[in-house]
Amino acid sequence: MSNICALCNAELTSIDTLLGENKLSDGGNLCNKCLDKVSNIHQELLYNLNAFSINDIKNLVQTGKIEPETLQTKQKAEVVKIESLVQFTESNDMPHDLYKRRLKEIKYQLEQVGANLSMFTKGEIKELPRILAIDEVILAATDAQFLKTVDAGILLVTPKRIVSVSKAMFSPVKVNEYPNETITEVSFVSNSISPVIKLHTKDRVIEFECFYDRLDAERFYGFINKIYNQKKIQQQTAPAKEEASGLIFEQLEKLGKLRENGILTEEEFAEQKKKLLDQLS
């Protein structure tokens, strides 16, 4: 695994590899600075980078145009279909600046909740700005996929719902949501290799297998257990409020430190702070 940016030859930092590398189709990697530079020219690189080689990237920088080298690239650049929630038929449906800002926010939230996600979920992470509402905050997340499938996947908790995001190689991303009021309880099947998290609704039981990190799956279940199993009979309209408040205040403290250290601007800090405080109202 190379620790050098294929475009500028600078050594990759821990920030560059946060939540996975910016990997190209030929195995090379880009630093975040170069990714930001080339994605300003061609937005698709933000969510489909591994379809392009370093030659594609250099050609883009020199000519302002990019021609994918393989048929697979053309297939991957087709319409991205998001099931169950919303569909974006064109890559520019979400404004470029909004997408970049929202992706940065989501990566920060995943880091703050301690999500330990495999490198195979990088594609799912890049789709989250189009899946989550602009003011929707991630309270917990774990690496999980539907039982008896090989799709990489993420299971997320927000104040209003649980969301499953999964994607097989060269396939459209699949999104399934489970609003709080539809979940009657949750349960957990311990296993030394791949524990199972179950979401119980009035109509069925949805099972998710957790291959990547058993301890992280147990931590995630501990969080949702406190939310969804306290009132199994009563209808739950906002079960995450109390559990979320402590986490939100912790995130506010961390936001303040990031501002003090110059990582967040005043504008970014104010925007993030407002979104967190809105979750308490």
C-alpha atoms as a PDB file:
ATOM      1  CA  MET A   1       0.000   0.000   0.000  1.00  0.00           C
ATOM      2  CA  SER A   2       1.621   3.282  -1.153  1.00  0.00           C
ATOM      3  CA  ASN A   3       1.772   6.182   1.291  1.00  0.00           C
ATOM      4  CA  ILE A   4       2.626   8.710  -1.431  1.00  0.00           C
ATOM      5  CA  CYS A   5       0.154  10.834  -3.379  1.00  0.00           C
ATOM      6  CA  ALA A   6       0.248   9.676  -7.020  1.00  0.00           C
ATOM      7  CA  LEU A   7      -0.259  13.225  -8.309  1.00  0.00           C
ATOM      8  CA  CYS A   8       1.907  15.528  -6.178  1.00  0.00           C
ATOM      9  CA  ASN A   9       4.206  12.836  -4.644  1.00  0.00           C
ATOM     10  CA  ALA A  10       3.643  14.188  -1.132  1.00  0.00           C
ATOM     11  CA  GLU A  11       3.511  11.735   1.749  1.00  0.00           C
ATOM     12  CA  LEU A  12      -0.052  10.884   2.792  1.00  0.00           C
ATOM     13  CA  THR A  13      -1.054  12.033   6.269  1.00  0.00           C
ATOM     14  CA  SER A  14      -3.481  10.429   8.735  1.00  0.00           C
ATOM     15  CA  ILE A  15      -6.112  12.966   7.608  1.00  0.00           C
ATOM     16  CA  ASP A  16      -5.681  11.794   3.997  1.00  0.00           C
ATOM     17  CA  THR A  17      -6.425   8.196   4.996  1.00  0.00           C
ATOM     18  CA  LEU A  18      -9.216   8.967   7.476  1.00  0.00           C
ATOM     19  CA  LEU A  19     -12.145   6.553   6.810  1.00  0.00           C
ATOM     20  CA  GLY A  20     -10.205   4.973   3.937  1.00  0.00           C
ATOM     21  CA  GLU A  21      -7.778   6.025   1.232  1.00  0.00           C
ATOM     22  CA  ASN A  22      -8.579   8.090  -1.851  1.00  0.00           C
ATOM     23  CA  LYS A  23      -7.706   5.109  -4.037  1.00  0.00           C
ATOM     24  CA  LEU A  24      -7.493   5.137  -7.836  1.00  0.00           C
ATOM     25  CA  SER A  25      -8.297   2.269 -10.204  1.00  0.00           C
ATOM     26  CA  ASP A  26      -4.592   1.502 -10.758  1.00  0.00           C
ATOM     27  CA  GLY A  27      -3.856   1.258  -7.035  1.00  0.00           C
ATOM     28  CA  GLY A  28      -2.462   4.739  -6.522  1.00  0.00           C
ATOM     29  CA  ASN A  29      -3.752   7.183  -3.912  1.00  0.00           C
ATOM     30  CA  LEU A  30      -4.471  10.911  -3.843  1.00  0.00           C
ATOM     31  CA  CYS A  31      -4.020  13.241  -0.911  1.00  0.00           C
ATOM     32  CA  ASN A  32      -7.045  15.288   0.124  1.00  0.00           C
ATOM     33  CA  LYS A  33      -5.500  18.466  -1.305  1.00  0.00           C
ATOM     34  CA  CYS A  34      -5.137  16.929  -4.774  1.00  0.00           C
ATOM     35  CA  LEU A  35      -8.581  15.312  -4.574  1.00  0.00           C
ATOM     36  CA  ASP A  36     -10.087  18.693  -3.756  1.00  0.00           C
ATOM     37  CA  LYS A  37      -8.217  20.280  -6.669  1.00  0.00           C
ATOM     38  CA  VAL A  38      -9.281  17.744  -9.309  1.00  0.00           C
ATOM     39  CA  SER A  39     -12.843  17.369  -8.004  1.00  0.00           C
ATOM     40  CA  ASN A  40     -13.341  21.107  -8.528  1.00  0.00           C
ATOM     41  CA  ILE A  41     -12.738  20.371 -12.216  1.00  0.00           C
ATOM     42  CA  HIS A  42     -14.732  17.125 -12.383  1.00  0.00           C
ATOM     43  CA  GLN A  43     -17.245  16.587  -9.559  1.00  0.00           C
ATOM     44  CA  GLU A  44     -17.749  12.865 -10.205  1.00  0.00           C
ATOM     45  CA  LEU A  45     -14.314  12.161  -8.733  1.00  0.00           C
ATOM     46  CA  LEU A  46     -15.719  12.888  -5.253  1.00  0.00           C
ATOM     47  CA  TYR A  47     -17.918   9.795  -5.243  1.00  0.00           C
ATOM     48  CA  ASN A  48     -16.457   7.600  -8.002  1.00  0.00           C
ATOM     49  CA  LEU A  49     -12.703   8.113  -7.667  1.00  0.00           C
ATOM     50  CA  ASN A  50     -11.748   4.429  -7.869  1.00  0.00           C
ATOM     51  CA  ALA A  51     -13.075   4.311 -11.429  1.00  0.00           C
ATOM     52  CA  PHE A  52     -10.219   6.530 -12.659  1.00  0.00           C
ATOM     53  CA  SER A  53      -6.464   5.997 -13.028  1.00  0.00           C
ATOM     54  CA  ILE A  54      -3.624   8.418 -12.381  1.00  0.00           C
ATOM     55  CA  ASN A  55      -3.360   8.926 -16.168  1.00  0.00           C
ATOM     56  CA  ASP A  56      -6.996  10.038 -16.195  1.00  0.00           C
ATOM     57  CA  ILE A  57      -6.276  12.471 -13.366  1.00  0.00           C
ATOM     58  CA  LYS A  58      -3.163  13.931 -15.036  1.00  0.00           C
ATOM     59  CA  ASN A  59      -5.056  14.320 -18.305  1.00  0.00           C
ATOM     60  CA  LEU A  60      -7.827  16.127 -16.413  1.00  0.00           C
ATOM     61  CA  VAL A  61      -5.357  18.570 -14.848  1.00  0.00           C
ATOM     62  CA  GLN A  62      -3.700  19.257 -18.206  1.00  0.00           C
ATOM     63  CA  THR A  63      -6.750  19.492 -20.472  1.00  0.00           C
ATOM     64  CA  GLY A  64      -9.725  19.974 -18.166  1.00  0.00           C
ATOM     65  CA  LYS A  65     -11.291  16.834 -19.650  1.00  0.00           C
ATOM     66  CA  ILE A  66     -11.349  13.213 -18.591  1.00  0.00           C
ATOM     67  CA  GLU A  67     -11.963  10.074 -20.586  1.00  0.00           C
ATOM     68  CA  PRO A  68     -12.385   6.892 -18.498  1.00  0.00           C
ATOM     69  CA  GLU A  69     -10.055   4.140 -19.660  1.00  0.00           C
ATOM     70  CA  THR A  70     -12.319   1.125 -19.189  1.00  0.00           C
ATOM     71  CA  LEU A  71     -15.861   0.018 -19.905  1.00  0.00           C
ATOM     72  CA  GLN A  72     -16.299  -0.592 -16.179  1.00  0.00           C
ATOM     73  CA  THR A  73     -15.784   3.115 -15.600  1.00  0.00           C
ATOM     74  CA  LYS A  74     -18.620   3.960 -17.962  1.00  0.00           C
ATOM     75  CA  GLN A  75     -20.848   1.486 -16.167  1.00  0.00           C
ATOM     76  CA  LYS A  76     -19.971   2.952 -12.783  1.00  0.00           C
ATOM     77  CA  ALA A  77     -20.570   6.496 -14.039  1.00  0.00           C
ATOM     78  CA  GLU A  78     -24.171   5.669 -14.951  1.00  0.00           C
ATOM     79  CA  VAL A  79     -27.159   6.884 -12.955  1.00  0.00           C
ATOM     80  CA  VAL A  80     -26.750   6.318  -9.229  1.00  0.00           C
ATOM     81  CA  LYS A  81     -29.975   4.822  -7.942  1.00  0.00           C
ATOM     82  CA  ILE A  82     -30.813   5.121  -4.276  1.00  0.00           C
ATOM     83  CA  GLU A  83     -33.645   2.855  -3.213  1.00  0.00           C
ATOM     84  CA  SER A  84     -36.240   3.434  -0.500  1.00  0.00           C
ATOM     85  CA  LEU A  85     -35.474   7.090   0.243  1.00  0.00           C
ATOM     86  CA  VAL A  86     -34.502   9.347  -2.632  1.00  0.00           C
ATOM     87  CA  GLN A  87     -33.014   9.159  -6.110  1.00  0.00           C
ATOM     88  CA  PHE A  88     -30.478  11.464  -7.726  1.00  0.00           C
ATOM     89  CA  THR A  89     -30.585  10.960 -11.458  1.00  0.00           C
ATOM     90  CA  GLU A  90     -27.634  13.248 -12.169  1.00  0.00           C
ATOM     91  CA  SER A  91     -24.363  13.739 -10.313  1.00  0.00           C
ATOM     92  CA  ASN A  92     -24.949  17.494 -10.131  1.00  0.00           C
ATOM     93  CA  ASP A  93     -28.368  17.311  -8.438  1.00  0.00           C
ATOM     94  CA  MET A  94     -26.636  18.326  -5.206  1.00  0.00           C
ATOM     95  CA  PRO A  95     -24.581  21.515  -5.563  1.00  0.00           C
ATOM     96  CA  HIS A  96     -20.845  20.824  -5.508  1.00  0.00           C
ATOM     97  CA  ASP A  97     -20.087  23.093  -2.531  1.00  0.00           C
ATOM     98  CA  LEU A  98     -22.982  21.667  -0.526  1.00  0.00           C
ATOM     99  CA  TYR A  99     -21.873  18.099  -1.226  1.00  0.00           C
ATOM    100  CA  LYS A 100     -18.307  18.783  -0.109  1.00  0.00           C
ATOM    101  CA  ARG A 101     -19.403  20.575   3.062  1.00  0.00           C
ATOM    102  CA  ARG A 102     -21.931  17.877   3.942  1.00  0.00           C
ATOM    103  CA  LEU A 103     -19.422  15.066   3.349  1.00  0.00           C
ATOM    104  CA  LYS A 104     -16.963  16.813   5.652  1.00  0.00           C
ATOM    105  CA  GLU A 105     -19.654  17.114   8.334  1.00  0.00           C
ATOM    106  CA  ILE A 106     -20.605  13.445   8.026  1.00  0.00           C
ATOM    107  CA  LYS A 107     -16.997  12.241   8.260  1.00  0.00           C
ATOM    108  CA  TYR A 108     -16.567  14.388  11.354  1.00  0.00           C
ATOM    109  CA  GLN A 109     -19.726  12.925  12.925  1.00  0.00           C
ATOM    110  CA  LEU A 110     -18.604   9.359  12.169  1.00  0.00           C
ATOM    111  CA  GLU A 111     -15.276  10.085  13.823  1.00  0.00           C
ATOM    112  CA  GLN A 112     -16.953  11.606  16.882  1.00  0.00           C
ATOM    113  CA  VAL A 113     -19.239   8.618  17.469  1.00  0.00           C
ATOM    114  CA  GLY A 114     -16.248   6.269  17.239  1.00  0.00           C
ATOM    115  CA  ALA A 115     -17.459   4.371  14.166  1.00  0.00           C
ATOM    116  CA  ASN A 116     -14.964   1.690  13.152  1.00  0.00           C
ATOM    117  CA  LEU A 117     -15.809   1.126   9.489  1.00  0.00           C
ATOM    118  CA  SER A 118     -13.949  -1.057   7.007  1.00  0.00           C
ATOM    119  CA  MET A 119     -12.298   0.336   3.877  1.00  0.00           C
ATOM    120  CA  PHE A 120     -15.025  -1.378   1.846  1.00  0.00           C
ATOM    121  CA  THR A 121     -17.647   1.105   3.109  1.00  0.00           C
ATOM    122  CA  LYS A 122     -15.960   4.103   1.527  1.00  0.00           C
ATOM    123  CA  GLY A 123     -18.478   4.132  -1.330  1.00  0.00           C
ATOM    124  CA  GLU A 124     -21.371   4.135   1.133  1.00  0.00           C
ATOM    125  CA  ILE A 125     -19.851   7.020   3.095  1.00  0.00           C
ATOM    126  CA  LYS A 126     -19.572   9.101  -0.068  1.00  0.00           C
ATOM    127  CA  GLU A 127     -23.286   8.591  -0.739  1.00  0.00           C
ATOM    128  CA  LEU A 128     -24.396   9.723   2.737  1.00  0.00           C
ATOM    129  CA  PRO A 129     -24.686  13.442   1.830  1.00  0.00           C
ATOM    130  CA  ARG A 130     -27.428  12.447  -0.620  1.00  0.00           C
ATOM    131  CA  ILE A 131     -29.154  10.096   1.818  1.00  0.00           C
ATOM    132  CA  LEU A 132     -29.247  11.994   5.104  1.00  0.00           C
ATOM    133  CA  ALA A 133     -31.170  15.219   5.492  1.00  0.00           C
ATOM    134  CA  ILE A 134     -29.069  18.382   5.711  1.00  0.00           C
ATOM    135  CA  ASP A 135     -29.764  18.717   9.456  1.00  0.00           C
ATOM    136  CA  GLU A 136     -29.745  14.980  10.254  1.00  0.00           C
ATOM    137  CA  VAL A 137     -27.058  14.087  12.805  1.00  0.00           C
ATOM    138  CA  ILE A 138     -25.444  10.649  13.120  1.00  0.00           C
ATOM    139  CA  LEU A 139     -25.685   9.375  16.712  1.00  0.00           C
ATOM    140  CA  ALA A 140     -24.121   5.932  16.211  1.00  0.00           C
ATOM    141  CA  ALA A 141     -22.800   3.822  13.345  1.00  0.00           C
ATOM    142  CA  THR A 142     -21.308   0.392  12.756  1.00  0.00           C
ATOM    143  CA  ASP A 143     -20.134  -1.796   9.904  1.00  0.00           C
ATOM    144  CA  ALA A 144     -23.063  -4.148   9.192  1.00  0.00           C
ATOM    145  CA  GLN A 145     -24.721  -5.842   6.242  1.00  0.00           C
ATOM    146  CA  PHE A 146     -27.908  -7.757   5.619  1.00  0.00           C
ATOM    147  CA  LEU A 147     -27.644 -11.363   6.797  1.00  0.00           C
ATOM    148  CA  LYS A 148     -26.431 -13.811   4.119  1.00  0.00           C
ATOM    149  CA  THR A 149     -25.261 -11.148   1.675  1.00  0.00           C
ATOM    150  CA  VAL A 150     -21.783 -10.082   0.593  1.00  0.00           C
ATOM    151  CA  ASP A 151     -22.573  -6.376   0.206  1.00  0.00           C
ATOM    152  CA  ALA A 152     -20.494  -3.982   2.260  1.00  0.00           C
ATOM    153  CA  GLY A 153     -22.748  -1.935   4.496  1.00  0.00           C
ATOM    154  CA  ILE A 154     -23.242   0.638   7.237  1.00  0.00           C
ATOM    155  CA  LEU A 155     -25.946   0.794   9.897  1.00  0.00           C
ATOM    156  CA  LEU A 156     -26.648   4.334  11.170  1.00  0.00           C
ATOM    157  CA  VAL A 157     -28.742   5.783  13.982  1.00  0.00           C
ATOM    158  CA  THR A 158     -30.118   9.330  13.748  1.00  0.00           C
ATOM    159  CA  PRO A 159     -32.638  11.023  16.059  1.00  0.00           C
ATOM    160  CA  LYS A 160     -35.558   9.918  13.866  1.00  0.00           C
ATOM    161  CA  ARG A 161     -34.581   6.572  12.348  1.00  0.00           C
ATOM    162  CA  ILE A 162     -32.137   3.748  11.709  1.00  0.00           C
ATOM    163  CA  VAL A 163     -30.716   3.672   8.196  1.00  0.00           C
ATOM    164  CA  SER A 164     -29.015   0.809   6.365  1.00  0.00           C
ATOM    165  CA  VAL A 165     -26.739   1.719   3.464  1.00  0.00           C
ATOM    166  CA  SER A 166     -25.173  -1.069   1.410  1.00  0.00           C
ATOM    167  CA  LYS A 167     -23.484  -1.456  -1.936  1.00  0.00           C
ATOM    168  CA  ALA A 168     -22.097  -4.394  -3.881  1.00  0.00           C
ATOM    169  CA  MET A 169     -19.244  -3.840  -6.328  1.00  0.00           C
ATOM    170  CA  PHE A 170     -20.417  -2.121  -9.552  1.00  0.00           C
ATOM    171  CA  SER A 171     -24.004  -2.022  -8.234  1.00  0.00           C
ATOM    172  CA  PRO A 172     -26.257   0.856  -7.175  1.00  0.00           C
ATOM    173  CA  VAL A 173     -26.287   1.834  -3.530  1.00  0.00           C
ATOM    174  CA  LYS A 174     -29.230   0.421  -1.567  1.00  0.00           C
ATOM    175  CA  VAL A 175     -30.818   2.418   1.230  1.00  0.00           C
ATOM    176  CA  ASN A 176     -33.381   1.105   3.707  1.00  0.00           C
ATOM    177  CA  GLU A 177     -34.817   3.237   6.491  1.00  0.00           C
ATOM    178  CA  TYR A 178     -36.581   2.178   9.680  1.00  0.00           C
ATOM    179  CA  PRO A 179     -38.352   5.134  11.343  1.00  0.00           C
ATOM    180  CA  ASN A 180     -38.365   5.083  15.131  1.00  0.00           C
ATOM    181  CA  GLU A 181     -42.136   4.616  15.327  1.00  0.00           C
ATOM    182  CA  THR A 182     -41.915   1.372  13.296  1.00  0.00           C
ATOM    183  CA  ILE A 183     -39.285  -0.294  15.515  1.00  0.00           C
ATOM    184  CA  THR A 184     -40.818  -2.266  18.389  1.00  0.00           C
ATOM    185  CA  GLU A 185     -37.539  -3.561  19.811  1.00  0.00           C
ATOM    186  CA  VAL A 186     -33.982  -4.571  18.963  1.00  0.00           C
ATOM    187  CA  SER A 187     -32.057  -7.719  19.841  1.00  0.00           C
ATOM    188  CA  PHE A 188     -28.539  -9.091  19.582  1.00  0.00           C
ATOM    189  CA  VAL A 189     -27.162 -12.566  18.809  1.00  0.00           C
ATOM    190  CA  SER A 190     -23.634 -12.928  20.169  1.00  0.00           C
ATOM    191  CA  ASN A 191     -21.005 -14.656  18.060  1.00  0.00           C
ATOM    192  CA  SER A 192     -17.237 -14.631  18.362  1.00  0.00           C
ATOM    193  CA  ILE A 193     -16.852 -13.941  14.631  1.00  0.00           C
ATOM    194  CA  SER A 194     -19.996 -12.287  13.289  1.00  0.00           C
ATOM    195  CA  PRO A 195     -22.678 -11.197  15.778  1.00  0.00           C
ATOM    196  CA  VAL A 196     -26.134 -10.344  14.460  1.00  0.00           C
ATOM    197  CA  ILE A 197     -28.170  -7.208  15.199  1.00  0.00           C
ATOM    198  CA  LYS A 198     -31.941  -7.600  14.771  1.00  0.00           C
ATOM    199  CA  LEU A 199     -34.466  -4.829  14.246  1.00  0.00           C
ATOM    200  CA  HIS A 200     -38.002  -5.907  15.146  1.00  0.00           C
ATOM    201  CA  THR A 201     -40.938  -4.153  13.500  1.00  0.00           C
ATOM    202  CA  LYS A 202     -44.630  -4.957  13.582  1.00  0.00           C
ATOM    203  CA  ASP A 203     -44.362  -6.898  10.340  1.00  0.00           C
ATOM    204  CA  ARG A 204     -40.943  -8.528  10.323  1.00  0.00           C
ATOM    205  CA  VAL A 205     -37.469  -8.914  11.759  1.00  0.00           C
ATOM    206  CA  ILE A 206     -34.521  -7.466   9.837  1.00  0.00           C
ATOM    207  CA  GLU A 207     -31.141  -9.066  10.552  1.00  0.00           C
ATOM    208  CA  PHE A 208     -27.721  -7.505  10.063  1.00  0.00           C
ATOM    209  CA  GLU A 209     -24.451  -9.392  10.296  1.00  0.00           C
ATOM    210  CA  CYS A 210     -21.356  -7.686  11.694  1.00  0.00           C
ATOM    211  CA  PHE A 211     -18.201  -9.331  10.320  1.00  0.00           C
ATOM    212  CA  TYR A 212     -15.742  -6.476  10.608  1.00  0.00           C
ATOM    213  CA  ASP A 213     -15.556  -5.592  14.308  1.00  0.00           C
ATOM    214  CA  ARG A 214     -17.384  -7.624  16.952  1.00  0.00           C
ATOM    215  CA  LEU A 215     -16.673  -5.169  19.769  1.00  0.00           C
ATOM    216  CA  ASP A 216     -17.854  -2.230  17.712  1.00  0.00           C
ATOM    217  CA  ALA A 217     -21.083  -4.112  16.945  1.00  0.00           C
ATOM    218  CA  GLU A 218     -21.598  -4.737  20.680  1.00  0.00           C
ATOM    219  CA  ARG A 219     -21.018  -1.050  21.423  1.00  0.00           C
ATOM    220  CA  PHE A 220     -23.498  -0.047  18.726  1.00  0.00           C
ATOM    221  CA  TYR A 221     -26.110  -2.462  20.053  1.00  0.00           C
ATOM    222  CA  GLY A 222     -25.593  -1.149  23.573  1.00  0.00           C
ATOM    223  CA  PHE A 223     -26.528   2.297  22.284  1.00  0.00           C
ATOM    224  CA  ILE A 224     -29.668   1.272  20.381  1.00  0.00           C
ATOM    225  CA  ASN A 225     -30.720  -1.092  23.168  1.00  0.00           C
ATOM    226  CA  LYS A 226     -31.090   1.863  25.552  1.00  0.00           C
ATOM    227  CA  ILE A 227     -33.191   3.698  22.989  1.00  0.00           C
ATOM    228  CA  TYR A 228     -35.526   1.106  21.538  1.00  0.00           C
ATOM    229  CA  ASN A 229     -35.993  -1.442  24.324  1.00  0.00           C
ATOM    230  CA  GLN A 230     -37.085   0.877  27.144  1.00  0.00           C
ATOM    231  CA  LYS A 231     -40.651   1.267  25.879  1.00  0.00           C
ATOM    232  CA  LYS A 232     -41.557  -1.715  23.751  1.00  0.00           C
ATOM    233  CA  ILE A 233     -45.320  -1.215  24.018  1.00  0.00           C
ATOM    234  CA  GLN A 234     -45.667   2.557  23.743  1.00  0.00           C
ATOM    235  CA  GLN A 235     -45.359   4.181  20.367  1.00  0.00           C
ATOM    236  CA  GLN A 236     -41.975   5.844  20.046  1.00  0.00           C
ATOM    237  CA  THR A 237     -42.075   9.200  18.336  1.00  0.00           C
ATOM    238  CA  ALA A 238     -38.696  10.494  19.501  1.00  0.00           C
ATOM    239  CA  PRO A 239     -36.874   7.758  21.436  1.00  0.00           C
ATOM    240  CA  ALA A 240     -33.392   9.059  20.781  1.00  0.00           C
ATOM    241  CA  LYS A 241     -33.791  12.460  22.438  1.00  0.00           C
ATOM    242  CA  GLU A 242     -32.541  11.681  25.950  1.00  0.00           C
ATOM    243  CA  GLU A 243     -29.764   9.352  24.850  1.00  0.00           C
ATOM    244  CA  ALA A 244     -28.697  11.808  22.160  1.00  0.00           C
ATOM    245  CA  SER A 245     -28.469  14.882  24.403  1.00  0.00           C
ATOM    246  CA  GLY A 246     -25.349  13.743  26.265  1.00  0.00           C
ATOM    247  CA  LEU A 247     -23.625  12.836  23.018  1.00  0.00           C
ATOM    248  CA  ILE A 248     -24.597  16.147  21.423  1.00  0.00           C
ATOM    249  CA  PHE A 249     -23.139  18.143  24.340  1.00  0.00           C
ATOM    250  CA  GLU A 250     -19.916  16.139  24.023  1.00  0.00           C
ATOM    251  CA  GLN A 251     -19.786  16.946  20.340  1.00  0.00           C
ATOM    252  CA  LEU A 252     -20.322  20.643  21.107  1.00  0.00           C
ATOM    253  CA  GLU A 253     -17.289  20.599  23.398  1.00  0.00           C
ATOM    254  CA  LYS A 254     -15.210  18.907  20.699  1.00  0.00           C
ATOM    255  CA  LEU A 255     -16.412  21.416  18.122  1.00  0.00           C
ATOM    256  CA  GLY A 256     -15.156  24.215  20.365  1.00  0.00           C
ATOM    257  CA  LYS A 257     -11.721  22.595  20.555  1.00  0.00           C
ATOM    258  CA  LEU A 258     -11.590  22.169  16.775  1.00  0.00           C
ATOM    259  CA  ARG A 259     -12.399  25.868  16.382  1.00  0.00           C
ATOM    260  CA  GLU A 260      -9.719  26.820  18.902  1.00  0.00           C
ATOM    261  CA  ASN A 261      -7.169  24.703  17.029  1.00  0.00           C
ATOM    262  CA  GLY A 262      -8.068  26.329  13.727  1.00  0.00           C
ATOM    263  CA  ILE A 263      -9.470  23.165  12.147  1.00  0.00           C
ATOM    264  CA  LEU A 264     -12.959  24.659  11.836  1.00  0.00           C
ATOM    265  CA  THR A 265     -13.686  28.215  10.763  1.00  0.00           C
ATOM    266  CA  GLU A 266     -16.092  30.397  12.761  1.00  0.00           C
ATOM    267  CA  GLU A 267     -18.712  29.894  10.056  1.00  0.00           C
ATOM    268  CA  GLU A 268     -18.313  26.099  10.067  1.00  0.00           C
ATOM    269  CA  PHE A 269     -18.397  26.045  13.862  1.00  0.00           C
ATOM    270  CA  ALA A 270     -21.581  28.128  14.007  1.00  0.00           C
ATOM    271  CA  GLU A 271     -23.288  25.958  11.390  1.00  0.00           C
ATOM    272  CA  GLN A 272     -22.367  22.684  13.124  1.00  0.00           C
ATOM    273  CA  LYS A 273     -23.338  24.082  16.527  1.00  0.00           C
ATOM    274  CA  LYS A 274     -26.765  25.150  15.248  1.00  0.00           C
ATOM    275  CA  LYS A 275     -27.422  21.703  13.765  1.00  0.00           C
ATOM    276  CA  LEU A 276     -26.532  19.981  17.031  1.00  0.00           C
ATOM    277  CA  LEU A 277     -28.622  22.346  19.154  1.00  0.00           C
ATOM    278  CA  ASP A 278     -31.576  21.934  16.795  1.00  0.00           C
ATOM    279  CA  GLN A 279     -31.587  18.222  17.695  1.00  0.00           C
ATOM    280  CA  LEU A 280     -32.344  19.122  21.326  1.00  0.00           C
ATOM    281  CA  SER A 281     -35.446  21.181  20.498  1.00  0.00           C
END
